[in-house]
């Protein structure tokens, strides 16, 4: 069983107000699981999209808006969002401090179908 030391994995430089680091991934030995930490800066607006698998989005710090299907909600730290397969969703961050998320999905390579 691989032991992955998170202290050795740095957040990548920001791209479009997003920094991320993979805590569990294909590159780290996983066959069917990905866990990544994502920091989203204020001013970010993602694109509406879907995935063919469940995606869990845990808000570990800050707050962020999410559109899940027809529902729009602002969620804060201590909340887990579930985007079931095929449900359109996107993240929007218009608050004043970065939001930190832990995103998990049962795949080594996530397929994404952008709708906008």
Protein backbone atom coordinates (compact mmCIF):
# COMPACT_ATOMS: atom_id res chain seq x y z
CA UNK A 1 0.00 0.00 0.00
CA UNK A 2 1.54 3.33 -1.03
CA UNK A 3 1.86 6.02 1.60
CA UNK A 4 1.44 9.49 0.13
CA UNK A 5 2.96 12.36 2.11
CA UNK A 6 0.86 15.44 1.35
CA UNK A 7 3.64 17.72 2.58
CA UNK A 8 5.69 16.76 -0.49
CA UNK A 9 2.93 17.72 -2.95
CA UNK A 10 2.74 21.42 -3.73
CA UNK A 11 -0.21 23.35 -5.14
CA UNK A 12 0.41 24.06 -8.82
CA UNK A 13 0.71 27.69 -9.95
CA UNK A 14 -2.66 29.40 -10.42
CA UNK A 15 -4.38 28.97 -13.76
CA UNK A 16 -7.59 30.95 -14.26
CA UNK A 17 -7.83 31.61 -10.49
CA UNK A 18 -7.47 27.90 -9.62
CA UNK A 19 -4.60 26.03 -7.97
CA UNK A 20 -4.71 22.30 -7.39
CA UNK A 21 -2.69 19.38 -6.17
CA UNK A 22 -3.43 15.69 -6.57
CA UNK A 23 -3.33 13.79 -3.29
CA UNK A 24 -4.34 10.46 -4.88
CA UNK A 25 -3.99 9.96 -8.62
CA UNK A 26 -2.89 7.68 -11.41
CA UNK A 27 0.60 9.22 -11.21
CA UNK A 28 0.71 8.29 -7.50
CA UNK A 29 -0.36 4.67 -8.13
CA UNK A 30 -4.18 4.77 -8.09
CA UNK A 31 -6.09 2.69 -10.62
CA UNK A 32 -9.65 3.93 -10.07
CA UNK A 33 -9.63 6.85 -7.62
CA UNK A 34 -8.66 10.51 -7.67
CA UNK A 35 -8.55 12.93 -4.73
CA UNK A 36 -7.42 16.47 -5.34
CA UNK A 37 -7.24 19.62 -3.30
CA UNK A 38 -8.36 22.72 -5.17
CA UNK A 39 -7.96 26.35 -4.12
CA UNK A 40 -10.31 28.72 -5.94
CA UNK A 41 -9.65 32.47 -5.79
CA UNK A 42 -12.34 35.15 -5.85
CA UNK A 43 -13.54 36.09 -9.34
CA UNK A 44 -13.63 32.49 -10.64
CA UNK A 45 -16.56 31.21 -12.68
CA UNK A 46 -16.38 27.69 -14.08
CA UNK A 47 -18.28 26.25 -17.03
CA UNK A 48 -21.44 24.16 -16.73
CA UNK A 49 -20.47 20.51 -17.25
CA UNK A 50 -21.25 16.88 -16.39
CA UNK A 51 -19.30 13.73 -15.56
CA UNK A 52 -20.21 10.03 -16.05
CA UNK A 53 -19.36 9.24 -12.39
CA UNK A 54 -20.20 10.63 -8.93
CA UNK A 55 -18.08 13.61 -7.91
CA UNK A 56 -17.79 14.59 -4.25
CA UNK A 57 -16.82 18.20 -3.52
CA UNK A 58 -15.98 18.90 0.12
CA UNK A 59 -15.66 22.54 1.12
CA UNK A 60 -12.85 22.55 3.69
CA UNK A 61 -12.28 26.31 3.95
CA UNK A 62 -14.16 29.41 2.84
CA UNK A 63 -17.38 29.36 0.84
CA UNK A 64 -18.38 28.97 -2.79
CA UNK A 65 -21.49 29.07 -4.95
CA UNK A 66 -22.51 25.98 -6.87
CA UNK A 67 -25.11 25.44 -9.53
CA UNK A 68 -26.36 21.82 -9.42
CA UNK A 69 -28.99 21.30 -12.09
CA UNK A 70 -31.54 24.09 -11.48
CA UNK A 71 -30.44 24.78 -7.90
CA UNK A 72 -28.05 27.61 -6.93
CA UNK A 73 -26.57 27.52 -3.42
CA UNK A 74 -23.77 29.14 -1.47
CA UNK A 75 -22.02 26.50 0.61
CA UNK A 76 -19.48 26.93 3.38
CA UNK A 77 -16.74 24.89 5.02
CA UNK A 78 -18.06 21.68 6.53
CA UNK A 79 -20.32 20.94 3.55
CA UNK A 80 -19.99 18.14 1.00
CA UNK A 81 -21.63 18.52 -2.40
CA UNK A 82 -22.49 15.49 -4.48
CA UNK A 83 -22.72 15.81 -8.25
CA UNK A 84 -24.27 12.52 -9.41
CA UNK A 85 -23.43 11.18 -12.89
CA UNK A 86 -24.94 13.33 -15.64
CA UNK A 87 -26.09 16.21 -13.37
CA UNK A 88 -24.97 19.56 -14.83
CA UNK A 89 -22.98 21.64 -12.35
CA UNK A 90 -20.51 24.51 -12.06
CA UNK A 91 -18.69 26.47 -9.37
CA UNK A 92 -18.72 30.26 -9.00
CA UNK A 93 -16.63 32.23 -6.51
CA UNK A 94 -17.51 35.90 -6.03
CA UNK A 95 -16.66 36.20 -2.34
CA UNK A 96 -13.52 37.86 -0.95
CA UNK A 97 -11.34 34.99 0.31
CA UNK A 98 -10.15 31.80 -1.42
CA UNK A 99 -12.19 28.61 -1.05
CA UNK A 100 -10.43 25.30 -0.46
CA UNK A 101 -12.11 22.15 -1.79
CA UNK A 102 -11.36 18.44 -1.64
CA UNK A 103 -12.66 16.76 -4.81
CA UNK A 104 -12.98 12.98 -5.03
CA UNK A 105 -14.13 10.74 -7.88
CA UNK A 106 -13.93 7.00 -8.67
CA UNK A 107 -11.74 7.24 -11.74
CA UNK A 108 -8.08 7.71 -12.57
CA UNK A 109 -9.06 9.96 -15.49
CA UNK A 110 -12.21 12.08 -15.20
CA UNK A 111 -14.28 12.52 -18.33
CA UNK A 112 -15.90 15.97 -18.55
CA UNK A 113 -18.62 17.05 -20.96
CA UNK A 114 -18.72 20.88 -21.09
CA UNK A 115 -22.19 22.29 -21.76
CA UNK A 116 -21.16 25.94 -22.21
